[in-house]
Amino acid sequence: MPLLVNCVSCDELFDECGGSMSRGRHYAPFCSRYCRIFHREGYQLGQYPHFERKCDWCGAAFQLTRGKYEGSQRVCSLKCSREARAKRNNKAHRVLQTMKILARPVSAHEIAYELSKIPCNGWRNTLGSQSVANVLKLLNARGAIKILTGKNKQAYTYKLRDPNAPFKQYGKPA
């Protein structure tokens, strides 16, 4: 059941729990990445600048613009989007992207929960916390993340080594 709420920045409705009406799934209480940046940088309604951002996949610069479909853009082009979502890179890319969006140390369970909000080809994402933990082990071996431990040895948390590094270098070799 969708939970429709108004965006703090632009006052448009979005589904806070994810689903077909959701644009910003991970950006609540904002409907998109654009609205979160817009609000945090102190712009007023009526001013709609373009924000210069770097592609999560290749690192190239692109313009983040206001819009229903472009507001949460994280890659520079359709080519990068297809490479990132290709079968060989899909899981690692989704895990890295979720860690970058949350921007704090997270557990495999938290990542799996965030990923469960995203519809995947009309179906819910089936990447569970154990699968996420396995992907995180690979990403640690490739140098993408650091493994941190909590108070007990069972509760591992993970953090990106370099949040600004392009994810392409951590994908599977061709």
N, C-alpha and C. Protein backbone atom coordinates (compact mmCIF):
# COMPACT_ATOMS: atom_id res chain seq x y z
N MET A 1 0.84 -1.18 0.00
CA MET A 1 0.00 0.00 0.00
C MET A 1 0.89 1.24 0.00
N PRO A 2 0.70 2.13 -0.97
CA PRO A 2 1.54 3.31 -1.04
C PRO A 2 1.29 4.28 0.11
N LEU A 3 2.35 4.93 0.53
CA LEU A 3 2.26 5.95 1.56
C LEU A 3 2.62 7.27 0.89
N LEU A 4 1.59 7.98 0.40
CA LEU A 4 1.81 9.23 -0.32
C LEU A 4 2.00 10.38 0.65
N VAL A 5 3.12 11.07 0.48
CA VAL A 5 3.43 12.24 1.31
C VAL A 5 3.88 13.37 0.39
N ASN A 6 3.85 14.58 0.88
CA ASN A 6 4.30 15.74 0.10
C ASN A 6 5.78 15.97 0.33
N CYS A 7 6.46 16.32 -0.75
CA CYS A 7 7.89 16.66 -0.69
C CYS A 7 8.06 17.94 0.12
N VAL A 8 9.06 17.97 0.98
CA VAL A 8 9.35 19.14 1.80
C VAL A 8 9.75 20.34 0.95
N SER A 9 10.38 20.08 -0.19
CA SER A 9 10.89 21.16 -1.04
C SER A 9 9.88 21.66 -2.06
N CYS A 10 9.31 20.76 -2.87
CA CYS A 10 8.45 21.20 -3.98
C CYS A 10 6.97 20.93 -3.74
N ASP A 11 6.62 20.25 -2.66
CA ASP A 11 5.25 19.96 -2.26
C ASP A 11 4.52 18.98 -3.20
N GLU A 12 5.23 18.25 -4.06
CA GLU A 12 4.60 17.24 -4.90
C GLU A 12 4.46 15.94 -4.12
N LEU A 13 3.43 15.15 -4.45
CA LEU A 13 3.21 13.87 -3.81
C LEU A 13 4.22 12.84 -4.31
N PHE A 14 4.70 12.00 -3.41
CA PHE A 14 5.53 10.86 -3.80
C PHE A 14 5.30 9.75 -2.81
N ASP A 15 5.60 8.51 -3.21
CA ASP A 15 5.40 7.33 -2.38
C ASP A 15 6.66 7.11 -1.54
N GLU A 16 6.56 7.37 -0.25
CA GLU A 16 7.71 7.27 0.64
C GLU A 16 8.22 5.84 0.79
N CYS A 17 7.38 4.85 0.53
CA CYS A 17 7.76 3.45 0.69
C CYS A 17 8.31 2.83 -0.58
N GLY A 18 8.35 3.55 -1.67
CA GLY A 18 8.80 2.99 -2.94
C GLY A 18 7.60 2.58 -3.77
N GLY A 19 7.84 2.10 -4.95
CA GLY A 19 6.76 1.68 -5.83
C GLY A 19 6.67 2.58 -7.04
N SER A 20 5.63 2.39 -7.82
CA SER A 20 5.53 3.07 -9.11
C SER A 20 5.39 4.58 -8.99
N MET A 21 4.87 5.11 -7.88
CA MET A 21 4.73 6.56 -7.72
C MET A 21 5.97 7.20 -7.11
N SER A 22 6.93 6.40 -6.75
CA SER A 22 8.09 6.92 -6.04
C SER A 22 9.17 7.36 -6.99
N ARG A 23 9.69 8.56 -6.78
CA ARG A 23 10.85 9.02 -7.52
C ARG A 23 12.05 9.00 -6.61
N GLY A 24 11.86 9.33 -5.35
CA GLY A 24 12.99 9.56 -4.47
C GLY A 24 13.26 8.50 -3.45
N ARG A 25 12.59 7.39 -3.50
CA ARG A 25 12.65 6.30 -2.55
C ARG A 25 13.63 6.48 -1.39
N HIS A 26 14.87 6.84 -1.67
CA HIS A 26 15.89 6.94 -0.63
C HIS A 26 16.08 8.36 -0.11
N TYR A 27 15.37 9.32 -0.66
CA TYR A 27 15.62 10.71 -0.34
C TYR A 27 14.58 11.31 0.59
N ALA A 28 13.68 10.51 1.14
CA ALA A 28 12.62 11.04 2.01
C ALA A 28 13.25 11.92 3.09
N PRO A 29 12.64 13.05 3.40
CA PRO A 29 11.31 13.58 3.06
C PRO A 29 11.26 14.36 1.75
N PHE A 30 12.24 14.16 0.86
CA PHE A 30 12.25 14.83 -0.44
C PHE A 30 11.86 13.82 -1.51
N CYS A 31 11.25 14.31 -2.59
CA CYS A 31 10.79 13.42 -3.65
C CYS A 31 11.91 12.99 -4.59
N SER A 32 13.03 13.70 -4.59
CA SER A 32 14.10 13.37 -5.53
C SER A 32 15.44 13.89 -5.00
N ARG A 33 16.48 13.46 -5.66
CA ARG A 33 17.83 13.94 -5.34
C ARG A 33 17.91 15.44 -5.58
N TYR A 34 17.29 15.90 -6.67
CA TYR A 34 17.29 17.33 -7.00
C TYR A 34 16.68 18.14 -5.86
N CYS A 35 15.51 17.74 -5.37
CA CYS A 35 14.84 18.49 -4.30
C CYS A 35 15.66 18.50 -3.01
N ARG A 36 16.35 17.39 -2.72
CA ARG A 36 17.19 17.35 -1.52
C ARG A 36 18.32 18.37 -1.63
N ILE A 37 19.00 18.41 -2.78
CA ILE A 37 20.09 19.36 -2.99
C ILE A 37 19.55 20.79 -3.00
N PHE A 38 18.44 21.00 -3.69
CA PHE A 38 17.79 22.30 -3.80
C PHE A 38 17.48 22.86 -2.41
N HIS A 39 16.92 22.03 -1.55
CA HIS A 39 16.54 22.45 -0.20
C HIS A 39 17.77 22.71 0.67
N ARG A 40 18.74 21.82 0.63
CA ARG A 40 19.92 21.95 1.48
C ARG A 40 20.81 23.13 1.11
N GLU A 41 20.79 23.52 -0.16
CA GLU A 41 21.60 24.67 -0.59
C GLU A 41 20.85 25.98 -0.46
N GLY A 42 19.61 25.94 0.04
CA GLY A 42 18.89 27.15 0.38
C GLY A 42 18.25 27.93 -0.75
N TYR A 43 17.93 27.28 -1.86
CA TYR A 43 17.25 27.98 -2.95
C TYR A 43 15.78 28.19 -2.62
N GLN A 44 15.17 29.18 -3.25
CA GLN A 44 13.75 29.49 -3.06
C GLN A 44 12.98 28.98 -4.27
N LEU A 45 11.69 28.68 -4.06
CA LEU A 45 10.85 28.25 -5.18
C LEU A 45 10.84 29.35 -6.23
N GLY A 46 10.87 28.96 -7.49
CA GLY A 46 10.96 29.91 -8.59
C GLY A 46 12.35 29.93 -9.19
N GLN A 47 13.37 29.61 -8.39
CA GLN A 47 14.74 29.48 -8.89
C GLN A 47 14.97 27.98 -9.10
N TYR A 48 15.28 27.58 -10.29
CA TYR A 48 15.53 26.16 -10.54
C TYR A 48 16.84 25.98 -11.28
N PRO A 49 17.96 26.04 -10.55
CA PRO A 49 19.26 25.90 -11.19
C PRO A 49 19.54 24.45 -11.60
N HIS A 50 20.54 24.28 -12.43
CA HIS A 50 21.05 22.96 -12.76
C HIS A 50 22.23 22.71 -11.83
N PHE A 51 22.34 21.52 -11.29
CA PHE A 51 23.45 21.19 -10.40
C PHE A 51 24.45 20.30 -11.13
N GLU A 52 25.71 20.65 -11.04
CA GLU A 52 26.78 19.87 -11.65
C GLU A 52 27.07 18.68 -10.73
N ARG A 53 26.96 17.47 -11.24
CA ARG A 53 27.23 16.25 -10.47
C ARG A 53 28.11 15.33 -11.29
N LYS A 54 28.71 14.34 -10.61
CA LYS A 54 29.54 13.35 -11.30
C LYS A 54 28.77 12.03 -11.41
N CYS A 55 28.95 11.38 -12.52
CA CYS A 55 28.30 10.09 -12.79
C CYS A 55 28.82 9.06 -11.79
N ASP A 56 27.90 8.32 -11.18
CA ASP A 56 28.30 7.27 -10.23
C ASP A 56 29.09 6.15 -10.92
N TRP A 57 28.83 5.92 -12.20
CA TRP A 57 29.45 4.80 -12.90
C TRP A 57 30.83 5.16 -13.47
N CYS A 58 30.90 6.24 -14.27
CA CYS A 58 32.17 6.53 -14.96
C CYS A 58 32.91 7.75 -14.40
N GLY A 59 32.23 8.59 -13.63
CA GLY A 59 32.89 9.76 -13.05
C GLY A 59 32.80 11.02 -13.89
N ALA A 60 32.16 10.96 -15.07
CA ALA A 60 32.03 12.15 -15.93
C ALA A 60 31.02 13.12 -15.33
N ALA A 61 31.19 14.40 -15.62
CA ALA A 61 30.27 15.43 -15.12
C ALA A 61 28.99 15.45 -15.95
N PHE A 62 27.86 15.74 -15.29
CA PHE A 62 26.59 15.93 -15.98
C PHE A 62 25.75 16.92 -15.19
N GLN A 63 24.70 17.44 -15.82
CA GLN A 63 23.82 18.42 -15.19
C GLN A 63 22.60 17.71 -14.61
N LEU A 64 22.39 17.85 -13.31
CA LEU A 64 21.19 17.32 -12.65
C LEU A 64 20.12 18.40 -12.76
N THR A 65 18.99 18.06 -13.37
CA THR A 65 17.93 19.04 -13.59
C THR A 65 16.66 18.65 -12.85
N ARG A 66 15.81 19.62 -12.66
CA ARG A 66 14.53 19.40 -12.00
C ARG A 66 13.61 18.70 -13.00
N GLY A 67 12.88 17.73 -12.54
CA GLY A 67 11.94 17.03 -13.40
C GLY A 67 11.52 15.72 -12.79
N LYS A 68 10.37 15.23 -13.19
CA LYS A 68 9.82 14.02 -12.61
C LYS A 68 10.74 12.82 -12.79
N TYR A 69 11.37 12.70 -13.96
CA TYR A 69 12.20 11.52 -14.23
C TYR A 69 13.69 11.80 -14.11
N GLU A 70 14.10 13.06 -14.27
CA GLU A 70 15.52 13.39 -14.24
C GLU A 70 16.00 13.79 -12.85
N GLY A 71 15.11 14.07 -11.93
CA GLY A 71 15.47 14.62 -10.63
C GLY A 71 16.30 13.73 -9.75
N SER A 72 16.27 12.42 -9.97
CA SER A 72 17.06 11.50 -9.16
C SER A 72 18.16 10.82 -9.97
N GLN A 73 18.51 11.38 -11.09
CA GLN A 73 19.52 10.82 -12.00
C GLN A 73 20.85 10.67 -11.27
N ARG A 74 21.50 9.52 -11.47
CA ARG A 74 22.79 9.26 -10.83
C ARG A 74 23.88 8.92 -11.83
N VAL A 75 23.52 8.73 -13.11
CA VAL A 75 24.51 8.43 -14.15
C VAL A 75 24.38 9.45 -15.27
N CYS A 76 25.44 9.60 -16.06
CA CYS A 76 25.48 10.67 -17.06
C CYS A 76 24.77 10.33 -18.36
N SER A 77 24.63 9.06 -18.69
CA SER A 77 24.08 8.71 -19.99
C SER A 77 23.39 7.35 -19.96
N LEU A 78 22.68 7.07 -21.03
CA LEU A 78 22.03 5.77 -21.17
C LEU A 78 23.08 4.66 -21.26
N LYS A 79 24.21 4.95 -21.89
CA LYS A 79 25.29 3.96 -22.00
C LYS A 79 25.79 3.55 -20.61
N CYS A 80 26.03 4.53 -19.74
CA CYS A 80 26.50 4.22 -18.38
C CYS A 80 25.43 3.47 -17.60
N SER A 81 24.19 3.86 -17.78
CA SER A 81 23.09 3.18 -17.10
C SER A 81 23.03 1.71 -17.51
N ARG A 82 23.17 1.45 -18.79
CA ARG A 82 23.13 0.06 -19.27
C ARG A 82 24.31 -0.74 -18.79
N GLU A 83 25.49 -0.15 -18.78
CA GLU A 83 26.68 -0.86 -18.28
C GLU A 83 26.53 -1.18 -16.80
N ALA A 84 26.04 -0.22 -16.02
CA ALA A 84 25.90 -0.40 -14.58
C ALA A 84 24.85 -1.46 -14.25
N ARG A 85 23.79 -1.51 -15.04
CA ARG A 85 22.71 -2.45 -14.78
C ARG A 85 22.88 -3.78 -15.49
N ALA A 86 23.98 -3.94 -16.22
CA ALA A 86 24.23 -5.20 -16.93
C ALA A 86 24.36 -6.33 -15.91
N LYS A 87 24.11 -7.53 -16.36
CA LYS A 87 24.08 -8.69 -15.47
C LYS A 87 25.35 -8.84 -14.62
N ARG A 88 26.50 -8.55 -15.22
CA ARG A 88 27.73 -8.77 -14.48
C ARG A 88 27.99 -7.72 -13.39
N ASN A 89 27.38 -6.54 -13.50
CA ASN A 89 27.66 -5.47 -12.54
C ASN A 89 26.46 -5.08 -11.67
N ASN A 90 25.30 -5.63 -11.94
CA ASN A 90 24.06 -5.15 -11.35
C ASN A 90 24.05 -5.16 -9.82
N LYS A 91 24.37 -6.28 -9.21
CA LYS A 91 24.30 -6.38 -7.74
C LYS A 91 25.29 -5.43 -7.08
N ALA A 92 26.52 -5.45 -7.53
CA ALA A 92 27.55 -4.59 -6.93
C ALA A 92 27.17 -3.12 -7.09
N HIS A 93 26.68 -2.76 -8.26
CA HIS A 93 26.30 -1.36 -8.51
C HIS A 93 25.17 -0.94 -7.59
N ARG A 94 24.14 -1.78 -7.44
CA ARG A 94 23.01 -1.42 -6.59
C ARG A 94 23.45 -1.26 -5.13
N VAL A 95 24.32 -2.14 -4.67
CA VAL A 95 24.80 -2.06 -3.29
C VAL A 95 25.64 -0.79 -3.09
N LEU A 96 26.57 -0.52 -4.00
CA LEU A 96 27.41 0.68 -3.90
C LEU A 96 26.57 1.95 -3.96
N GLN A 97 25.59 1.97 -4.86
CA GLN A 97 24.74 3.16 -5.01
C GLN A 97 23.94 3.40 -3.73
N THR A 98 23.41 2.36 -3.13
CA THR A 98 22.66 2.51 -1.88
C THR A 98 23.57 3.03 -0.77
N MET A 99 24.78 2.52 -0.69
CA MET A 99 25.72 2.99 0.33
C MET A 99 26.05 4.47 0.11
N LYS A 100 26.21 4.88 -1.15
CA LYS A 100 26.54 6.27 -1.45
C LYS A 100 25.38 7.19 -1.10
N ILE A 101 24.15 6.77 -1.38
CA ILE A 101 22.98 7.58 -1.08
C ILE A 101 22.81 7.75 0.43
N LEU A 102 22.97 6.67 1.18
CA LEU A 102 22.79 6.73 2.63
C LEU A 102 23.92 7.51 3.31
N ALA A 103 25.11 7.49 2.74
CA ALA A 103 26.26 8.30 3.19
C ALA A 103 26.59 8.16 4.67
N ARG A 104 26.55 6.93 5.15
CA ARG A 104 26.92 6.63 6.53
C ARG A 104 27.27 5.14 6.60
N PRO A 105 27.95 4.70 7.65
CA PRO A 105 28.20 3.26 7.79
C PRO A 105 26.87 2.51 7.93
N VAL A 106 26.72 1.43 7.16
CA VAL A 106 25.46 0.67 7.16
C VAL A 106 25.74 -0.83 7.26
N SER A 107 24.73 -1.57 7.70
CA SER A 107 24.83 -3.02 7.77
C SER A 107 24.25 -3.62 6.49
N ALA A 108 24.52 -4.90 6.28
CA ALA A 108 23.96 -5.60 5.12
C ALA A 108 22.44 -5.61 5.19
N HIS A 109 21.90 -5.73 6.39
CA HIS A 109 20.45 -5.73 6.57
C HIS A 109 19.84 -4.39 6.15
N GLU A 110 20.47 -3.28 6.52
CA GLU A 110 19.96 -1.95 6.13
C GLU A 110 20.00 -1.76 4.61
N ILE A 111 21.06 -2.24 3.98
CA ILE A 111 21.17 -2.13 2.53
C ILE A 111 20.08 -2.96 1.87
N ALA A 112 19.87 -4.18 2.34
CA ALA A 112 18.82 -5.04 1.78
C ALA A 112 17.44 -4.40 1.95
N TYR A 113 17.21 -3.75 3.09
CA TYR A 113 15.93 -3.07 3.32
C TYR A 113 15.73 -1.93 2.32
N GLU A 114 16.76 -1.11 2.12
CA GLU A 114 16.66 0.00 1.16
C GLU A 114 16.44 -0.52 -0.25
N LEU A 115 17.13 -1.60 -0.61
CA LEU A 115 16.97 -2.18 -1.94
C LEU A 115 15.58 -2.78 -2.13
N SER A 116 14.95 -3.24 -1.05
CA SER A 116 13.62 -3.83 -1.16
C SER A 116 12.57 -2.79 -1.53
N LYS A 117 12.88 -1.51 -1.36
CA LYS A 117 11.95 -0.44 -1.71
C LYS A 117 11.87 -0.22 -3.22
N ILE A 118 12.87 -0.69 -3.95
CA ILE A 118 12.96 -0.41 -5.37
C ILE A 118 12.30 -1.51 -6.18
N PRO A 119 11.29 -1.18 -6.99
CA PRO A 119 10.74 -2.20 -7.87
C PRO A 119 11.76 -2.56 -8.94
N CYS A 120 11.90 -3.82 -9.22
CA CYS A 120 12.89 -4.29 -10.18
C CYS A 120 12.16 -5.00 -11.31
N ASN A 121 11.99 -4.33 -12.44
CA ASN A 121 11.25 -4.87 -13.58
C ASN A 121 9.84 -5.31 -13.19
N GLY A 122 9.20 -4.50 -12.38
CA GLY A 122 7.83 -4.80 -11.98
C GLY A 122 7.71 -5.69 -10.76
N TRP A 123 8.81 -6.30 -10.32
CA TRP A 123 8.80 -7.16 -9.15
C TRP A 123 9.67 -6.54 -8.08
N ARG A 124 9.44 -6.93 -6.87
CA ARG A 124 10.29 -6.45 -5.78
C ARG A 124 11.67 -7.05 -5.91
N ASN A 125 12.63 -6.32 -5.46
CA ASN A 125 14.02 -6.74 -5.49
C ASN A 125 14.20 -7.95 -4.59
N THR A 126 14.88 -8.98 -5.06
CA THR A 126 15.04 -10.20 -4.28
C THR A 126 16.42 -10.33 -3.63
N LEU A 127 17.17 -9.26 -3.54
CA LEU A 127 18.50 -9.30 -2.94
C LEU A 127 18.35 -9.19 -1.41
N GLY A 128 18.50 -10.31 -0.71
CA GLY A 128 18.36 -10.34 0.74
C GLY A 128 19.64 -9.95 1.45
N SER A 129 19.60 -9.91 2.78
CA SER A 129 20.76 -9.45 3.54
C SER A 129 21.96 -10.39 3.40
N GLN A 130 21.74 -11.69 3.25
CA GLN A 130 22.87 -12.61 3.07
C GLN A 130 23.52 -12.40 1.71
N SER A 131 22.71 -12.18 0.67
CA SER A 131 23.24 -11.90 -0.66
C SER A 131 24.01 -10.58 -0.66
N VAL A 132 23.47 -9.59 0.04
CA VAL A 132 24.15 -8.29 0.14
C VAL A 132 25.49 -8.47 0.85
N ALA A 133 25.52 -9.28 1.91
CA ALA A 133 26.77 -9.52 2.64
C ALA A 133 27.81 -10.18 1.73
N ASN A 134 27.37 -11.10 0.87
CA ASN A 134 28.30 -11.74 -0.07
C ASN A 134 28.84 -10.74 -1.08
N VAL A 135 27.99 -9.85 -1.58
CA VAL A 135 28.43 -8.81 -2.50
C VAL A 135 29.42 -7.88 -1.79
N LEU A 136 29.14 -7.57 -0.53
CA LEU A 136 30.04 -6.69 0.23
C LEU A 136 31.42 -7.33 0.44
N LYS A 137 31.47 -8.65 0.59
CA LYS A 137 32.76 -9.33 0.70
C LYS A 137 33.58 -9.15 -0.58
N LEU A 138 32.90 -9.29 -1.73
CA LEU A 138 33.58 -9.09 -3.01
C LEU A 138 34.06 -7.64 -3.16
N LEU A 139 33.20 -6.71 -2.79
CA LEU A 139 33.56 -5.29 -2.90
C LEU A 139 34.71 -4.94 -1.97
N ASN A 140 34.79 -5.59 -0.82
CA ASN A 140 35.91 -5.38 0.09
C ASN A 140 37.20 -5.90 -0.55
N ALA A 141 37.13 -7.06 -1.19
CA ALA A 141 38.30 -7.62 -1.87
C ALA A 141 38.76 -6.74 -3.03
N ARG A 142 37.83 -6.04 -3.67
CA ARG A 142 38.15 -5.15 -4.79
C ARG A 142 38.56 -3.76 -4.33
N GLY A 143 38.51 -3.51 -3.01
CA GLY A 143 38.97 -2.24 -2.46
C GLY A 143 37.94 -1.13 -2.45
N ALA A 144 36.67 -1.45 -2.62
CA ALA A 144 35.63 -0.42 -2.69
C ALA A 144 35.13 0.02 -1.32
N ILE A 145 35.15 -0.89 -0.36
CA ILE A 145 34.57 -0.59 0.95
C ILE A 145 35.52 -0.98 2.08
N LYS A 146 35.19 -0.47 3.27
CA LYS A 146 35.88 -0.85 4.50
C LYS A 146 34.87 -1.58 5.37
N ILE A 147 35.31 -2.63 6.04
CA ILE A 147 34.45 -3.34 6.97
C ILE A 147 34.73 -2.82 8.36
N LEU A 148 33.68 -2.34 9.02
CA LEU A 148 33.77 -1.86 10.38
C LEU A 148 33.00 -2.85 11.25
N THR A 149 33.36 -2.98 12.51
CA THR A 149 32.61 -3.86 13.39
C THR A 149 31.88 -3.03 14.43
N GLY A 150 30.78 -3.57 14.89
CA GLY A 150 30.01 -2.91 15.93
C GLY A 150 30.47 -3.35 17.30
N LYS A 151 29.58 -3.28 18.28
CA LYS A 151 29.93 -3.67 19.65
C LYS A 151 30.14 -5.17 19.75
N ASN A 152 29.32 -5.95 19.04
CA ASN A 152 29.55 -7.40 19.03
C ASN A 152 30.09 -7.80 17.66
N LYS A 153 30.80 -8.87 17.60
CA LYS A 153 31.47 -9.28 16.36
C LYS A 153 30.48 -9.65 15.25
N GLN A 154 29.24 -9.97 15.59
CA GLN A 154 28.25 -10.36 14.59
C GLN A 154 27.72 -9.18 13.78
N ALA A 155 27.71 -7.99 14.35
CA ALA A 155 27.09 -6.83 13.69
C ALA A 155 28.13 -6.04 12.91
N TYR A 156 28.37 -6.44 11.68
CA TYR A 156 29.31 -5.71 10.84
C TYR A 156 28.62 -4.53 10.20
N THR A 157 29.36 -3.44 10.08
CA THR A 157 28.89 -2.30 9.30
C THR A 157 29.93 -2.03 8.23
N TYR A 158 29.49 -1.41 7.15
CA TYR A 158 30.34 -1.20 5.99
C TYR A 158 30.30 0.26 5.59
N LYS A 159 31.43 0.73 5.05
CA LYS A 159 31.52 2.13 4.64
C LYS A 159 32.31 2.20 3.33
N LEU A 160 31.91 3.10 2.42
CA LEU A 160 32.65 3.29 1.18
C LEU A 160 34.03 3.87 1.49
N ARG A 161 35.07 3.37 0.84
CA ARG A 161 36.41 3.93 1.02
C ARG A 161 36.49 5.33 0.44
N ASP A 162 36.00 5.49 -0.78
CA ASP A 162 36.01 6.80 -1.45
C ASP A 162 34.64 7.03 -2.08
N PRO A 163 33.76 7.82 -1.46
CA PRO A 163 32.42 8.04 -2.00
C PRO A 163 32.41 8.74 -3.36
N ASN A 164 33.52 9.38 -3.74
CA ASN A 164 33.57 10.09 -5.02
C ASN A 164 34.16 9.25 -6.16
N ALA A 165 34.63 8.07 -5.86
CA ALA A 165 35.23 7.21 -6.89
C ALA A 165 34.14 6.63 -7.79
N PRO A 166 34.38 6.56 -9.11
CA PRO A 166 33.41 5.93 -10.00
C PRO A 166 33.32 4.43 -9.74
N PHE A 167 32.10 3.90 -9.84
CA PHE A 167 31.88 2.48 -9.51
C PHE A 167 32.38 1.53 -10.59
N LYS A 168 32.62 2.04 -11.78
CA LYS A 168 33.04 1.19 -12.89
C LYS A 168 34.30 0.38 -12.55
N GLN A 169 35.21 0.98 -11.81
CA GLN A 169 36.46 0.31 -11.46
C GLN A 169 36.25 -0.87 -10.51
N TYR A 170 35.09 -0.94 -9.85
CA TYR A 170 34.83 -2.04 -8.93
C TYR A 170 33.95 -3.12 -9.54
N GLY A 171 33.52 -2.94 -10.79
CA GLY A 171 32.72 -3.95 -11.48
C GLY A 171 33.57 -5.16 -11.85
N LYS A 172 32.90 -6.19 -12.33
CA LYS A 172 33.62 -7.38 -12.75
C LYS A 172 34.45 -7.06 -13.98
N PRO A 173 35.63 -7.62 -14.08
CA PRO A 173 36.45 -7.40 -15.28
C PRO A 173 35.77 -8.00 -16.51
N ALA A 174 35.93 -7.35 -17.64
CA ALA A 174 35.28 -7.84 -18.87
C ALA A 174 35.89 -9.14 -19.35
